[in-house]
Amino acid sequence: MIQRPVGSNAFEFVIVSALRAAQLMRGCIPRVEGFHKHTTIAQMEVASGKVTRLVEVPAVVVGEL
């Protein structure tokens, strides 16, 4: 079992890991070494900080301020 980083949100860890596992199943190159299932590799990547979620910044439309 992979331990999520201290202070991280459990829901976010699961969602980001699941999305990364889907990428790995489509053929993306793993960012950690080892021969594990795609789900375990994804969790290892998220736990080590090599894969994170993208925080979107809302766009400001000129003239709406």
C-alpha atoms as a PDB file:
ATOM      1  CA  MET A   1       0.000   0.000   0.000  1.00  0.00           C
ATOM      2  CA  ILE A   2       1.302   3.438  -0.944  1.00  0.00           C
ATOM      3  CA  GLN A   3       1.160   6.113   1.758  1.00  0.00           C
ATOM      4  CA  ARG A   4      -0.093   9.489   0.583  1.00  0.00           C
ATOM      5  CA  PRO A   5       1.996  12.522   1.543  1.00  0.00           C
ATOM      6  CA  VAL A   6       1.326  14.036   4.958  1.00  0.00           C
ATOM      7  CA  GLY A   7      -1.033  16.978   4.719  1.00  0.00           C
ATOM      8  CA  SER A   8      -2.467  16.003   1.350  1.00  0.00           C
ATOM      9  CA  ASN A   9      -6.145  15.540   0.686  1.00  0.00           C
ATOM     10  CA  ALA A  10      -7.151  11.864   0.416  1.00  0.00           C
ATOM     11  CA  PHE A  11      -9.787  12.576  -2.236  1.00  0.00           C
ATOM     12  CA  GLU A  12      -7.300  14.542  -4.359  1.00  0.00           C
ATOM     13  CA  PHE A  13      -4.717  11.758  -4.019  1.00  0.00           C
ATOM     14  CA  VAL A  14      -7.201   9.165  -5.292  1.00  0.00           C
ATOM     15  CA  ILE A  15      -8.458  11.273  -8.195  1.00  0.00           C
ATOM     16  CA  VAL A  16      -5.005  12.357  -9.400  1.00  0.00           C
ATOM     17  CA  SER A  17      -3.720   8.773  -9.095  1.00  0.00           C
ATOM     18  CA  ALA A  18      -6.686   7.421 -11.061  1.00  0.00           C
ATOM     19  CA  LEU A  19      -6.219   9.975 -13.834  1.00  0.00           C
ATOM     20  CA  ARG A  20      -2.493   9.207 -14.002  1.00  0.00           C
ATOM     21  CA  ALA A  21      -3.188   5.451 -14.095  1.00  0.00           C
ATOM     22  CA  ALA A  22      -5.442   6.039 -17.100  1.00  0.00           C
ATOM     23  CA  GLN A  23      -2.595   7.917 -18.812  1.00  0.00           C
ATOM     24  CA  LEU A  24      -0.193   5.057 -18.080  1.00  0.00           C
ATOM     25  CA  MET A  25      -2.643   2.531 -19.533  1.00  0.00           C
ATOM     26  CA  ARG A  26      -2.784   4.612 -22.723  1.00  0.00           C
ATOM     27  CA  GLY A  27       1.004   4.349 -23.035  1.00  0.00           C
ATOM     28  CA  CYS A  28       2.569   7.277 -21.147  1.00  0.00           C
ATOM     29  CA  ILE A  29       6.060   6.730 -19.797  1.00  0.00           C
ATOM     30  CA  PRO A  30       6.250   6.093 -16.024  1.00  0.00           C
ATOM     31  CA  ARG A  31       8.241   8.608 -13.960  1.00  0.00           C
ATOM     32  CA  VAL A  32       9.314   6.054 -11.343  1.00  0.00           C
ATOM     33  CA  GLU A  33      11.272   2.826 -11.679  1.00  0.00           C
ATOM     34  CA  GLY A  34       9.862  -0.610 -11.002  1.00  0.00           C
ATOM     35  CA  PHE A  35       7.648  -3.320 -12.381  1.00  0.00           C
ATOM     36  CA  HIS A  36       4.233  -2.733 -10.834  1.00  0.00           C
ATOM     37  CA  LYS A  37       0.659  -2.416 -12.012  1.00  0.00           C
ATOM     38  CA  HIS A  38      -0.364   0.907 -13.542  1.00  0.00           C
ATOM     39  CA  THR A  39      -2.399   1.871 -10.479  1.00  0.00           C
ATOM     40  CA  THR A  40       0.524   1.300  -8.107  1.00  0.00           C
ATOM     41  CA  ILE A  41       2.931   3.206 -10.345  1.00  0.00           C
ATOM     42  CA  ALA A  42       0.474   6.118 -10.497  1.00  0.00           C
ATOM     43  CA  GLN A  43       0.171   6.191  -6.709  1.00  0.00           C
ATOM     44  CA  MET A  44       3.961   6.084  -6.343  1.00  0.00           C
ATOM     45  CA  GLU A  45       4.314   9.010  -8.755  1.00  0.00           C
ATOM     46  CA  VAL A  46       1.746  11.118  -6.911  1.00  0.00           C
ATOM     47  CA  ALA A  47       3.175  10.224  -3.478  1.00  0.00           C
ATOM     48  CA  SER A  48       6.695  11.204  -4.580  1.00  0.00           C
ATOM     49  CA  GLY A  49       5.501  14.508  -6.043  1.00  0.00           C
ATOM     50  CA  LYS A  50       6.457  13.656  -9.623  1.00  0.00           C
ATOM     51  CA  VAL A  51       2.812  14.023 -10.691  1.00  0.00           C
ATOM     52  CA  THR A  52       0.542  16.749  -9.332  1.00  0.00           C
ATOM     53  CA  ARG A  53      -2.743  18.319 -10.282  1.00  0.00           C
ATOM     54  CA  LEU A  54      -2.818  21.458 -12.356  1.00  0.00           C
ATOM     55  CA  VAL A  55      -4.330  24.378 -10.482  1.00  0.00           C
ATOM     56  CA  GLU A  56      -6.280  26.453 -12.959  1.00  0.00           C
ATOM     57  CA  VAL A  57      -6.334  30.206 -12.526  1.00  0.00           C
ATOM     58  CA  PRO A  58      -9.579  31.832 -13.662  1.00  0.00           C
ATOM     59  CA  ALA A  59      -9.181  34.019 -16.700  1.00  0.00           C
ATOM     60  CA  VAL A  60      -9.972  37.704 -16.373  1.00  0.00           C
ATOM     61  CA  VAL A  61     -11.832  39.173 -19.317  1.00  0.00           C
ATOM     62  CA  VAL A  62     -10.908  42.771 -20.088  1.00  0.00           C
ATOM     63  CA  GLY A  63     -13.811  45.082 -19.384  1.00  0.00           C
ATOM     64  CA  GLU A  64     -15.536  42.915 -16.773  1.00  0.00           C
ATOM     65  CA  LEU A  65     -13.784  44.363 -13.748  1.00  0.00           C
END
